[in-house]
């Protein structure tokens, strides 16, 4: 393990955390194209229903579902990055302990 690998993971964790916070605030920039299409479709469908004088209930539900899916995706990505970081740290500790136990300094 190198420090560069750990720094790269730290940067990825930081970026993903910022994306997750932005999605929770309702921003669109961290969304992928599939999520953007789903949200845009829900917005258009809801505005069409409201313009026709009907309730936008299903469109609201679709909008909420798309936002939740984006949050779940980013949370899973963040969990995977944390797991990888922990694996690298554990590997480094094992290597260090093995080196220390192997004999002379």
PDB file of N, CA and C in Angstrom:
ATOM      1  N   UNK A   1       0.838  -1.183   0.000  1.00  0.00           N
ATOM      2  CA  UNK A   1       0.000   0.000   0.000  1.00  0.00           C
ATOM      3  C   UNK A   1       0.876   1.236   0.000  1.00  0.00           C
ATOM      4  N   UNK A   2       0.474   2.220  -0.751  1.00  0.00           N
ATOM      5  CA  UNK A   2       1.186   3.480  -0.741  1.00  0.00           C
ATOM      6  C   UNK A   2       0.302   4.581  -0.204  1.00  0.00           C
ATOM      7  N   UNK A   3       0.978   5.602   0.261  1.00  0.00           N
ATOM      8  CA  UNK A   3       0.206   6.758   0.736  1.00  0.00           C
ATOM      9  C   UNK A   3      -0.592   7.388  -0.391  1.00  0.00           C
ATOM     10  N   UNK A   4      -0.073   7.291  -1.610  1.00  0.00           N
ATOM     11  CA  UNK A   4      -0.788   7.876  -2.739  1.00  0.00           C
ATOM     12  C   UNK A   4      -2.138   7.189  -2.949  1.00  0.00           C
ATOM     13  N   UNK A   5      -2.151   5.865  -2.773  1.00  0.00           N
ATOM     14  CA  UNK A   5      -3.404   5.123  -2.921  1.00  0.00           C
ATOM     15  C   UNK A   5      -4.415   5.547  -1.854  1.00  0.00           C
ATOM     16  N   UNK A   6      -3.932   5.720  -0.652  1.00  0.00           N
ATOM     17  CA  UNK A   6      -4.809   6.146   0.442  1.00  0.00           C
ATOM     18  C   UNK A   6      -5.313   7.573   0.215  1.00  0.00           C
ATOM     19  N   UNK A   7      -4.435   8.439  -0.264  1.00  0.00           N
ATOM     20  CA  UNK A   7      -4.853   9.820  -0.560  1.00  0.00           C
ATOM     21  C   UNK A   7      -5.892   9.855  -1.672  1.00  0.00           C
ATOM     22  N   UNK A   8      -5.709   8.996  -2.679  1.00  0.00           N
ATOM     23  CA  UNK A   8      -6.677   8.928  -3.774  1.00  0.00           C
ATOM     24  C   UNK A   8      -8.048   8.510  -3.242  1.00  0.00           C
ATOM     25  N   UNK A   9      -8.057   7.517  -2.371  1.00  0.00           N
ATOM     26  CA  UNK A   9      -9.319   7.082  -1.777  1.00  0.00           C
ATOM     27  C   UNK A   9      -9.945   8.171  -0.917  1.00  0.00           C
ATOM     28  N   UNK A  10      -9.126   8.877  -0.164  1.00  0.00           N
ATOM     29  CA  UNK A  10      -9.637   9.984   0.669  1.00  0.00           C
ATOM     30  C   UNK A  10     -10.296  11.053  -0.202  1.00  0.00           C
ATOM     31  N   UNK A  11      -9.663  11.367  -1.331  1.00  0.00           N
ATOM     32  CA  UNK A  11     -10.253  12.361  -2.248  1.00  0.00           C
ATOM     33  C   UNK A  11     -11.583  11.861  -2.803  1.00  0.00           C
ATOM     34  N   UNK A  12     -11.640  10.587  -3.182  1.00  0.00           N
ATOM     35  CA  UNK A  12     -12.882  10.016  -3.706  1.00  0.00           C
ATOM     36  C   UNK A  12     -13.982  10.029  -2.642  1.00  0.00           C
ATOM     37  N   UNK A  13     -13.627   9.709  -1.407  1.00  0.00           N
ATOM     38  CA  UNK A  13     -14.596   9.730  -0.313  1.00  0.00           C
ATOM     39  C   UNK A  13     -15.126  11.143  -0.111  1.00  0.00           C
ATOM     40  N   UNK A  14     -14.233  12.114  -0.143  1.00  0.00           N
ATOM     41  CA  UNK A  14     -14.641  13.514   0.033  1.00  0.00           C
ATOM     42  C   UNK A  14     -15.576  13.964  -1.096  1.00  0.00           C
ATOM     43  N   UNK A  15     -15.222  13.595  -2.345  1.00  0.00           N
ATOM     44  CA  UNK A  15     -16.068  13.964  -3.485  1.00  0.00           C
ATOM     45  C   UNK A  15     -17.445  13.332  -3.387  1.00  0.00           C
ATOM     46  N   UNK A  16     -17.481  12.059  -3.032  1.00  0.00           N
ATOM     47  CA  UNK A  16     -18.761  11.359  -2.935  1.00  0.00           C
ATOM     48  C   UNK A  16     -19.608  11.920  -1.797  1.00  0.00           C
ATOM     49  N   UNK A  17     -18.971  12.295  -0.692  1.00  0.00           N
ATOM     50  CA  UNK A  17     -19.709  12.911   0.419  1.00  0.00           C
ATOM     51  C   UNK A  17     -20.338  14.231  -0.014  1.00  0.00           C
ATOM     52  N   UNK A  18     -19.576  15.022  -0.761  1.00  0.00           N
ATOM     53  CA  UNK A  18     -20.117  16.292  -1.255  1.00  0.00           C
ATOM     54  C   UNK A  18     -21.284  16.063  -2.206  1.00  0.00           C
ATOM     55  N   UNK A  19     -21.170  15.039  -3.059  1.00  0.00           N
ATOM     56  CA  UNK A  19     -22.264  14.718  -3.977  1.00  0.00           C
ATOM     57  C   UNK A  19     -23.516  14.308  -3.216  1.00  0.00           C
ATOM     58  N   UNK A  20     -23.340  13.496  -2.186  1.00  0.00           N
ATOM     59  CA  UNK A  20     -24.475  13.042  -1.385  1.00  0.00           C
ATOM     60  C   UNK A  20     -25.164  14.221  -0.701  1.00  0.00           C
ATOM     61  N   UNK A  21     -24.376  15.126  -0.139  1.00  0.00           N
ATOM     62  CA  UNK A  21     -24.955  16.315   0.495  1.00  0.00           C
ATOM     63  C   UNK A  21     -25.709  17.163  -0.517  1.00  0.00           C
ATOM     64  N   UNK A  22     -25.165  17.285  -1.730  1.00  0.00           N
ATOM     65  CA  UNK A  22     -25.826  18.081  -2.762  1.00  0.00           C
ATOM     66  C   UNK A  22     -27.150  17.444  -3.177  1.00  0.00           C
ATOM     67  N   UNK A  23     -27.179  16.128  -3.300  1.00  0.00           N
ATOM     68  CA  UNK A  23     -28.429  15.451  -3.665  1.00  0.00           C
ATOM     69  C   UNK A  23     -29.462  15.640  -2.558  1.00  0.00           C
ATOM     70  N   UNK A  24     -29.029  15.587  -1.315  1.00  0.00           N
ATOM     71  CA  UNK A  24     -29.956  15.783  -0.204  1.00  0.00           C
ATOM     72  C   UNK A  24     -30.515  17.200  -0.184  1.00  0.00           C
ATOM     73  N   UNK A  25     -29.746  18.154  -0.706  1.00  0.00           N
ATOM     74  CA  UNK A  25     -30.243  19.538  -0.808  1.00  0.00           C
ATOM     75  C   UNK A  25     -31.111  19.747  -2.040  1.00  0.00           C
ATOM     76  N   UNK A  26     -31.179  18.741  -2.917  1.00  0.00           N
ATOM     77  CA  UNK A  26     -32.020  18.844  -4.105  1.00  0.00           C
ATOM     78  C   UNK A  26     -31.301  19.365  -5.337  1.00  0.00           C
ATOM     79  N   UNK A  27     -29.982  19.373  -5.311  1.00  0.00           N
ATOM     80  CA  UNK A  27     -29.226  19.832  -6.478  1.00  0.00           C
ATOM     81  C   UNK A  27     -29.129  18.717  -7.506  1.00  0.00           C
ATOM     82  N   UNK A  28     -28.976  19.107  -8.773  1.00  0.00           N
ATOM     83  CA  UNK A  28     -28.975  18.143  -9.866  1.00  0.00           C
ATOM     84  C   UNK A  28     -27.587  17.764 -10.346  1.00  0.00           C
ATOM     85  N   UNK A  29     -26.559  18.543 -10.078  1.00  0.00           N
ATOM     86  CA  UNK A  29     -25.252  18.303 -10.697  1.00  0.00           C
ATOM     87  C   UNK A  29     -24.649  16.941 -10.377  1.00  0.00           C
ATOM     88  N   UNK A  30     -24.902  16.326  -9.206  1.00  0.00           N
ATOM     89  CA  UNK A  30     -24.277  15.019  -8.991  1.00  0.00           C
ATOM     90  C   UNK A  30     -25.049  13.837  -9.593  1.00  0.00           C
ATOM     91  N   UNK A  31     -26.201  14.093 -10.186  1.00  0.00           N
ATOM     92  CA  UNK A  31     -27.024  13.004 -10.708  1.00  0.00           C
ATOM     93  C   UNK A  31     -26.464  12.480 -12.021  1.00  0.00           C
ATOM     94  N   UNK A  32     -26.636  11.179 -12.253  1.00  0.00           N
ATOM     95  CA  UNK A  32     -26.254  10.638 -13.553  1.00  0.00           C
ATOM     96  C   UNK A  32     -27.405  10.866 -14.539  1.00  0.00           C
ATOM     97  N   UNK A  33     -27.190  10.512 -15.794  1.00  0.00           N
ATOM     98  CA  UNK A  33     -28.178  10.856 -16.820  1.00  0.00           C
ATOM     99  C   UNK A  33     -29.514  10.137 -16.604  1.00  0.00           C
ATOM    100  N   UNK A  34     -29.471   8.916 -16.122  1.00  0.00           N
ATOM    101  CA  UNK A  34     -30.712   8.180 -15.882  1.00  0.00           C
ATOM    102  C   UNK A  34     -31.549   8.857 -14.797  1.00  0.00           C
ATOM    103  N   UNK A  35     -30.895   9.294 -13.731  1.00  0.00           N
ATOM    104  CA  UNK A  35     -31.599   9.967 -12.638  1.00  0.00           C
ATOM    105  C   UNK A  35     -32.124  11.331 -13.085  1.00  0.00           C
ATOM    106  N   UNK A  36     -31.339  12.037 -13.886  1.00  0.00           N
ATOM    107  CA  UNK A  36     -31.813  13.336 -14.402  1.00  0.00           C
ATOM    108  C   UNK A  36     -33.045  13.172 -15.271  1.00  0.00           C
ATOM    109  N   UNK A  37     -33.011  12.146 -16.136  1.00  0.00           N
ATOM    110  CA  UNK A  37     -34.177  11.894 -16.995  1.00  0.00           C
ATOM    111  C   UNK A  37     -35.405  11.558 -16.164  1.00  0.00           C
ATOM    112  N   UNK A  38     -35.238  10.747 -15.137  1.00  0.00           N
ATOM    113  CA  UNK A  38     -36.372  10.364 -14.291  1.00  0.00           C
ATOM    114  C   UNK A  38     -36.959  11.581 -13.585  1.00  0.00           C
ATOM    115  N   UNK A  39     -36.099  12.447 -13.066  1.00  0.00           N
ATOM    116  CA  UNK A  39     -36.574  13.637 -12.357  1.00  0.00           C
ATOM    117  C   UNK A  39     -37.225  14.615 -13.328  1.00  0.00           C
ATOM    118  N   UNK A  40     -36.599  14.800 -14.480  1.00  0.00           N
ATOM    119  CA  UNK A  40     -37.181  15.712 -15.469  1.00  0.00           C
ATOM    120  C   UNK A  40     -38.543  15.194 -15.945  1.00  0.00           C
ATOM    121  N   UNK A  41     -38.635  13.888 -16.159  1.00  0.00           N
ATOM    122  CA  UNK A  41     -39.911  13.306 -16.579  1.00  0.00           C
ATOM    123  C   UNK A  41     -40.986  13.479 -15.522  1.00  0.00           C
ATOM    124  N   UNK A  42     -40.618  13.305 -14.272  1.00  0.00           N
ATOM    125  CA  UNK A  42     -41.587  13.490 -13.194  1.00  0.00           C
ATOM    126  C   UNK A  42     -42.028  14.942 -13.100  1.00  0.00           C
ATOM    127  N   UNK A  43     -41.074  15.866 -13.271  1.00  0.00           N
ATOM    128  CA  UNK A  43     -41.426  17.293 -13.226  1.00  0.00           C
ATOM    129  C   UNK A  43     -42.356  17.674 -14.370  1.00  0.00           C
ATOM    130  N   UNK A  44     -42.024  17.203 -15.560  1.00  0.00           N
ATOM    131  CA  UNK A  44     -42.864  17.527 -16.726  1.00  0.00           C
ATOM    132  C   UNK A  44     -44.245  16.905 -16.573  1.00  0.00           C
ATOM    133  N   UNK A  45     -44.282  15.640 -16.152  1.00  0.00           N
ATOM    134  CA  UNK A  45     -45.569  14.972 -15.976  1.00  0.00           C
ATOM    135  C   UNK A  45     -46.416  15.652 -14.918  1.00  0.00           C
ATOM    136  N   UNK A  46     -45.787  16.054 -13.827  1.00  0.00           N
ATOM    137  CA  UNK A  46     -46.522  16.736 -12.760  1.00  0.00           C
ATOM    138  C   UNK A  46     -47.035  18.089 -13.188  1.00  0.00           C
ATOM    139  N   UNK A  47     -46.209  18.832 -13.909  1.00  0.00           N
ATOM    140  CA  UNK A  47     -46.661  20.157 -14.351  1.00  0.00           C
ATOM    141  C   UNK A  47     -47.794  20.030 -15.368  1.00  0.00           C
ATOM    142  N   UNK A  48     -47.735  18.991 -16.202  1.00  0.00           N
ATOM    143  CA  UNK A  48     -48.822  18.753 -17.160  1.00  0.00           C
ATOM    144  C   UNK A  48     -50.121  18.434 -16.429  1.00  0.00           C
ATOM    145  N   UNK A  49     -50.030  17.593 -15.407  1.00  0.00           N
ATOM    146  CA  UNK A  49     -51.231  17.238 -14.647  1.00  0.00           C
ATOM    147  C   UNK A  49     -51.818  18.469 -13.952  1.00  0.00           C
ATOM    148  N   UNK A  50     -50.954  19.284 -13.373  1.00  0.00           N
ATOM    149  CA  UNK A  50     -51.423  20.491 -12.679  1.00  0.00           C
ATOM    150  C   UNK A  50     -52.039  21.470 -13.682  1.00  0.00           C
ATOM    151  N   UNK A  51     -51.438  21.607 -14.857  1.00  0.00           N
ATOM    152  CA  UNK A  51     -51.980  22.499 -15.881  1.00  0.00           C
ATOM    153  C   UNK A  51     -53.359  22.045 -16.333  1.00  0.00           C
ATOM    154  N   UNK A  52     -53.612  20.747 -16.280  1.00  0.00           N
ATOM    155  CA  UNK A  52     -54.912  20.207 -16.652  1.00  0.00           C
ATOM    156  C   UNK A  52     -55.898  20.238 -15.496  1.00  0.00           C
ATOM    157  N   UNK A  53     -55.452  20.733 -14.350  1.00  0.00           N
ATOM    158  CA  UNK A  53     -56.352  20.852 -13.206  1.00  0.00           C
ATOM    159  C   UNK A  53     -56.451  19.594 -12.369  1.00  0.00           C
ATOM    160  N   UNK A  54     -55.511  18.678 -12.535  1.00  0.00           N
ATOM    161  CA  UNK A  54     -55.538  17.438 -11.762  1.00  0.00           C
ATOM    162  C   UNK A  54     -54.405  17.432 -10.741  1.00  0.00           C
ATOM    163  N   UNK A  55     -54.443  16.464  -9.884  1.00  0.00           N
ATOM    164  CA  UNK A  55     -53.429  16.331  -8.835  1.00  0.00           C
ATOM    165  C   UNK A  55     -52.130  15.758  -9.423  1.00  0.00           C
ATOM    166  N   UNK A  56     -51.021  16.207  -8.878  1.00  0.00           N
ATOM    167  CA  UNK A  56     -49.714  15.730  -9.346  1.00  0.00           C
ATOM    168  C   UNK A  56     -49.143  14.681  -8.387  1.00  0.00           C
ATOM    169  N   UNK A  57     -50.019  13.930  -7.743  1.00  0.00           N
ATOM    170  CA  UNK A  57     -49.602  12.980  -6.710  1.00  0.00           C
ATOM    171  C   UNK A  57     -48.617  11.934  -7.189  1.00  0.00           C
ATOM    172  N   UNK A  58     -48.918  11.286  -8.317  1.00  0.00           N
ATOM    173  CA  UNK A  58     -48.017  10.243  -8.818  1.00  0.00           C
ATOM    174  C   UNK A  58     -46.694  10.829  -9.263  1.00  0.00           C
ATOM    175  N   UNK A  59     -46.730  12.011  -9.842  1.00  0.00           N
ATOM    176  CA  UNK A  59     -45.490  12.648 -10.281  1.00  0.00           C
ATOM    177  C   UNK A  59     -44.621  13.001  -9.077  1.00  0.00           C
ATOM    178  N   UNK A  60     -45.249  13.457  -8.009  1.00  0.00           N
ATOM    179  CA  UNK A  60     -44.502  13.739  -6.775  1.00  0.00           C
ATOM    180  C   UNK A  60     -43.840  12.479  -6.243  1.00  0.00           C
ATOM    181  N   UNK A  61     -44.581  11.386  -6.316  1.00  0.00           N
ATOM    182  CA  UNK A  61     -44.037  10.108  -5.843  1.00  0.00           C
ATOM    183  C   UNK A  61     -42.856   9.671  -6.712  1.00  0.00           C
ATOM    184  N   UNK A  62     -42.974   9.832  -8.025  1.00  0.00           N
ATOM    185  CA  UNK A  62     -41.863   9.491  -8.932  1.00  0.00           C
ATOM    186  C   UNK A  62     -40.650  10.365  -8.663  1.00  0.00           C
ATOM    187  N   UNK A  63     -40.891  11.640  -8.395  1.00  0.00           N
ATOM    188  CA  UNK A  63     -39.802  12.569  -8.095  1.00  0.00           C
ATOM    189  C   UNK A  63     -39.081  12.158  -6.816  1.00  0.00           C
ATOM    190  N   UNK A  64     -39.842  11.807  -5.811  1.00  0.00           N
ATOM    191  CA  UNK A  64     -39.271  11.366  -4.539  1.00  0.00           C
ATOM    192  C   UNK A  64     -38.492  10.067  -4.710  1.00  0.00           C
ATOM    193  N   UNK A  65     -39.028   9.151  -5.505  1.00  0.00           N
ATOM    194  CA  UNK A  65     -38.374   7.867  -5.741  1.00  0.00           C
ATOM    195  C   UNK A  65     -37.036   8.056  -6.449  1.00  0.00           C
ATOM    196  N   UNK A  66     -36.998   8.938  -7.431  1.00  0.00           N
ATOM    197  CA  UNK A  66     -35.755   9.193  -8.164  1.00  0.00           C
ATOM    198  C   UNK A  66     -34.700   9.812  -7.250  1.00  0.00           C
ATOM    199  N   UNK A  67     -35.107  10.741  -6.410  1.00  0.00           N
ATOM    200  CA  UNK A  67     -34.169  11.350  -5.468  1.00  0.00           C
ATOM    201  C   UNK A  67     -33.639  10.348  -4.460  1.00  0.00           C
ATOM    202  N   UNK A  68     -34.511   9.478  -3.982  1.00  0.00           N
ATOM    203  CA  UNK A  68     -34.104   8.446  -3.028  1.00  0.00           C
ATOM    204  C   UNK A  68     -33.135   7.459  -3.674  1.00  0.00           C
ATOM    205  N   UNK A  69     -33.392   7.108  -4.931  1.00  0.00           N
ATOM    206  CA  UNK A  69     -32.504   6.177  -5.639  1.00  0.00           C
ATOM    207  C   UNK A  69     -31.107   6.774  -5.797  1.00  0.00           C
ATOM    208  N   UNK A  70     -31.035   8.069  -6.086  1.00  0.00           N
ATOM    209  CA  UNK A  70     -29.735   8.726  -6.212  1.00  0.00           C
ATOM    210  C   UNK A  70     -29.003   8.728  -4.867  1.00  0.00           C
ATOM    211  N   UNK A  71     -29.735   8.988  -3.793  1.00  0.00           N
ATOM    212  CA  UNK A  71     -29.114   8.961  -2.462  1.00  0.00           C
ATOM    213  C   UNK A  71     -28.618   7.571  -2.115  1.00  0.00           C
ATOM    214  N   UNK A  72     -29.397   6.554  -2.454  1.00  0.00           N
ATOM    215  CA  UNK A  72     -28.980   5.179  -2.165  1.00  0.00           C
ATOM    216  C   UNK A  72     -27.730   4.813  -2.961  1.00  0.00           C
ATOM    217  N   UNK A  73     -27.684   5.228  -4.214  1.00  0.00           N
ATOM    218  CA  UNK A  73     -26.507   4.938  -5.052  1.00  0.00           C
ATOM    219  C   UNK A  73     -25.258   5.570  -4.461  1.00  0.00           C
ATOM    220  N   UNK A  74     -25.355   6.830  -4.074  1.00  0.00           N
ATOM    221  CA  UNK A  74     -24.191   7.524  -3.517  1.00  0.00           C
ATOM    222  C   UNK A  74     -23.802   6.972  -2.148  1.00  0.00           C
ATOM    223  N   UNK A  75     -24.776   6.572  -1.352  1.00  0.00           N
ATOM    224  CA  UNK A  75     -24.472   5.975  -0.049  1.00  0.00           C
ATOM    225  C   UNK A  75     -23.751   4.643  -0.226  1.00  0.00           C
ATOM    226  N   UNK A  76     -24.195   3.844  -1.182  1.00  0.00           N
ATOM    227  CA  UNK A  76     -23.534   2.562  -1.450  1.00  0.00           C
ATOM    228  C   UNK A  76     -22.107   2.784  -1.945  1.00  0.00           C
ATOM    229  N   UNK A  77     -21.931   3.778  -2.797  1.00  0.00           N
ATOM    230  CA  UNK A  77     -20.597   4.107  -3.299  1.00  0.00           C
ATOM    231  C   UNK A  77     -19.685   4.541  -2.150  1.00  0.00           C
ATOM    232  N   UNK A  78     -20.223   5.343  -1.269  1.00  0.00           N
ATOM    233  CA  UNK A  78     -19.454   5.821  -0.114  1.00  0.00           C
ATOM    234  C   UNK A  78     -19.077   4.662   0.808  1.00  0.00           C
ATOM    235  N   UNK A  79     -20.007   3.751   1.028  1.00  0.00           N
ATOM    236  CA  UNK A  79     -19.729   2.582   1.864  1.00  0.00           C
ATOM    237  C   UNK A  79     -18.625   1.725   1.251  1.00  0.00           C
ATOM    238  N   UNK A  80     -18.679   1.528  -0.061  1.00  0.00           N
ATOM    239  CA  UNK A  80     -17.648   0.738  -0.738  1.00  0.00           C
ATOM    240  C   UNK A  80     -16.283   1.411  -0.625  1.00  0.00           C
ATOM    241  N   UNK A  81     -16.244   2.725  -0.761  1.00  0.00           N
ATOM    242  CA  UNK A  81     -14.973   3.446  -0.646  1.00  0.00           C
ATOM    243  C   UNK A  81     -14.403   3.339   0.767  1.00  0.00           C
ATOM    244  N   UNK A  82     -15.266   3.442   1.774  1.00  0.00           N
ATOM    245  CA  UNK A  82     -14.803   3.299   3.157  1.00  0.00           C
ATOM    246  C   UNK A  82     -14.264   1.890   3.403  1.00  0.00           C
ATOM    247  N   UNK A  83     -14.930   0.889   2.843  1.00  0.00           N
ATOM    248  CA  UNK A  83     -14.466  -0.487   2.986  1.00  0.00           C
ATOM    249  C   UNK A  83     -13.110  -0.697   2.342  1.00  0.00           C
ATOM    250  N   UNK A  84     -12.924  -0.123   1.169  1.00  0.00           N
ATOM    251  CA  UNK A  84     -11.638  -0.226   0.477  1.00  0.00           C
ATOM    252  C   UNK A  84     -10.539   0.483   1.259  1.00  0.00           C
ATOM    253  N   UNK A  85     -10.859   1.618   1.818  1.00  0.00           N
ATOM    254  CA  UNK A  85      -9.885   2.362   2.629  1.00  0.00           C
ATOM    255  C   UNK A  85      -9.476   1.530   3.844  1.00  0.00           C
ATOM    256  N   UNK A  86     -10.454   0.929   4.495  1.00  0.00           N
ATOM    257  CA  UNK A  86     -10.156   0.106   5.670  1.00  0.00           C
ATOM    258  C   UNK A  86      -9.305  -1.093   5.294  1.00  0.00           C
ATOM    259  N   UNK A  87      -9.569  -1.694   4.142  1.00  0.00           N
ATOM    260  CA  UNK A  87      -8.782  -2.829   3.675  1.00  0.00           C
ATOM    261  C   UNK A  87      -7.324  -2.432   3.454  1.00  0.00           C
ATOM    262  N   UNK A  88      -7.116  -1.269   2.844  1.00  0.00           N
ATOM    263  CA  UNK A  88      -5.748  -0.794   2.613  1.00  0.00           C
ATOM    264  C   UNK A  88      -5.013  -0.530   3.924  1.00  0.00           C
ATOM    265  N   UNK A  89      -5.704   0.049   4.875  1.00  0.00           N
ATOM    266  CA  UNK A  89      -5.082   0.340   6.175  1.00  0.00           C
ATOM    267  C   UNK A  89      -4.719  -0.960   6.881  1.00  0.00           C
ATOM    268  N   UNK A  90      -5.616  -1.935   6.828  1.00  0.00           N
ATOM    269  CA  UNK A  90      -5.355  -3.228   7.470  1.00  0.00           C
ATOM    270  C   UNK A  90      -4.177  -3.938   6.813  1.00  0.00           C
ATOM    271  N   UNK A  91      -4.115  -3.902   5.498  1.00  0.00           N
ATOM    272  CA  UNK A  91      -2.981  -4.503   4.785  1.00  0.00           C
ATOM    273  C   UNK A  91      -1.667  -3.872   5.203  1.00  0.00           C
ATOM    274  N   UNK A  92      -1.644  -2.559   5.298  1.00  0.00           N
ATOM    275  CA  UNK A  92      -0.423  -1.849   5.683  1.00  0.00           C
ATOM    276  C   UNK A  92      -0.010  -2.210   7.106  1.00  0.00           C
ATOM    277  N   UNK A  93      -0.980  -2.321   7.996  1.00  0.00           N
ATOM    278  CA  UNK A  93      -0.667  -2.677   9.380  1.00  0.00           C
ATOM    279  C   UNK A  93      -0.108  -4.095   9.466  1.00  0.00           C
ATOM    280  N   UNK A  94      -0.686  -5.006   8.704  1.00  0.00           N
ATOM    281  CA  UNK A  94      -0.186  -6.382   8.691  1.00  0.00           C
ATOM    282  C   UNK A  94       1.243  -6.436   8.163  1.00  0.00           C
ATOM    283  N   UNK A  95       1.492  -5.714   7.077  1.00  0.00           N
ATOM    284  CA  UNK A  95       2.831  -5.703   6.489  1.00  0.00           C
ATOM    285  C   UNK A  95       3.843  -5.115   7.470  1.00  0.00           C
ATOM    286  N   UNK A  96       3.455  -4.085   8.169  1.00  0.00           N
ATOM    287  CA  UNK A  96       4.346  -3.448   9.136  1.00  0.00           C
ATOM    288  C   UNK A  96       4.626  -4.390  10.304  1.00  0.00           C
ATOM    289  N   UNK A  97       3.586  -5.064  10.796  1.00  0.00           N
ATOM    290  CA  UNK A  97       3.770  -6.001  11.903  1.00  0.00           C
ATOM    291  C   UNK A  97       4.641  -7.175  11.480  1.00  0.00           C
ATOM    292  N   UNK A  98       4.461  -7.666  10.278  1.00  0.00           N
ATOM    293  CA  UNK A  98       5.263  -8.778   9.769  1.00  0.00           C
ATOM    294  C   UNK A  98       6.727  -8.375   9.643  1.00  0.00           C
ATOM    295  N   UNK A  99       6.942  -7.169   9.161  1.00  0.00           N
ATOM    296  CA  UNK A  99       8.308  -6.674   9.004  1.00  0.00           C
ATOM    297  C   UNK A  99       8.987  -6.527  10.359  1.00  0.00           C
ATOM    298  N   UNK A 100       8.268  -6.026  11.349  1.00  0.00           N
ATOM    299  CA  UNK A 100       8.824  -5.851  12.693  1.00  0.00           C
ATOM    300  C   UNK A 100       9.136  -7.193  13.345  1.00  0.00           C
ATOM    301  N   UNK A 101       8.269  -8.169  13.130  1.00  0.00           N
ATOM    302  CA  UNK A 101       8.415  -9.463  13.784  1.00  0.00           C
ATOM    303  C   UNK A 101       9.439 -10.363  13.092  1.00  0.00           C
ATOM    304  N   UNK A 102       9.863  -9.967  11.901  1.00  0.00           N
ATOM    305  CA  UNK A 102      10.716 -10.861  11.116  1.00  0.00           C
ATOM    306  C   UNK A 102      12.162 -10.918  11.580  1.00  0.00           C
ATOM    307  N   UNK A 103      12.558 -10.078  12.455  1.00  0.00           N
ATOM    308  CA  UNK A 103      13.949 -10.175  12.910  1.00  0.00           C
ATOM    309  C   UNK A 103      14.498  -8.834  13.357  1.00  0.00           C
ATOM    310  N   UNK A 104      15.726  -8.639  12.974  1.00  0.00           N
ATOM    311  CA  UNK A 104      16.421  -7.417  13.371  1.00  0.00           C
ATOM    312  C   UNK A 104      15.803  -6.194  12.752  1.00  0.00           C
ATOM    313  N   UNK A 105      16.042  -5.077  13.370  1.00  0.00           N
ATOM    314  CA  UNK A 105      15.481  -3.821  12.905  1.00  0.00           C
ATOM    315  C   UNK A 105      15.916  -3.605  11.499  1.00  0.00           C
TER     316      UNK A 105
END
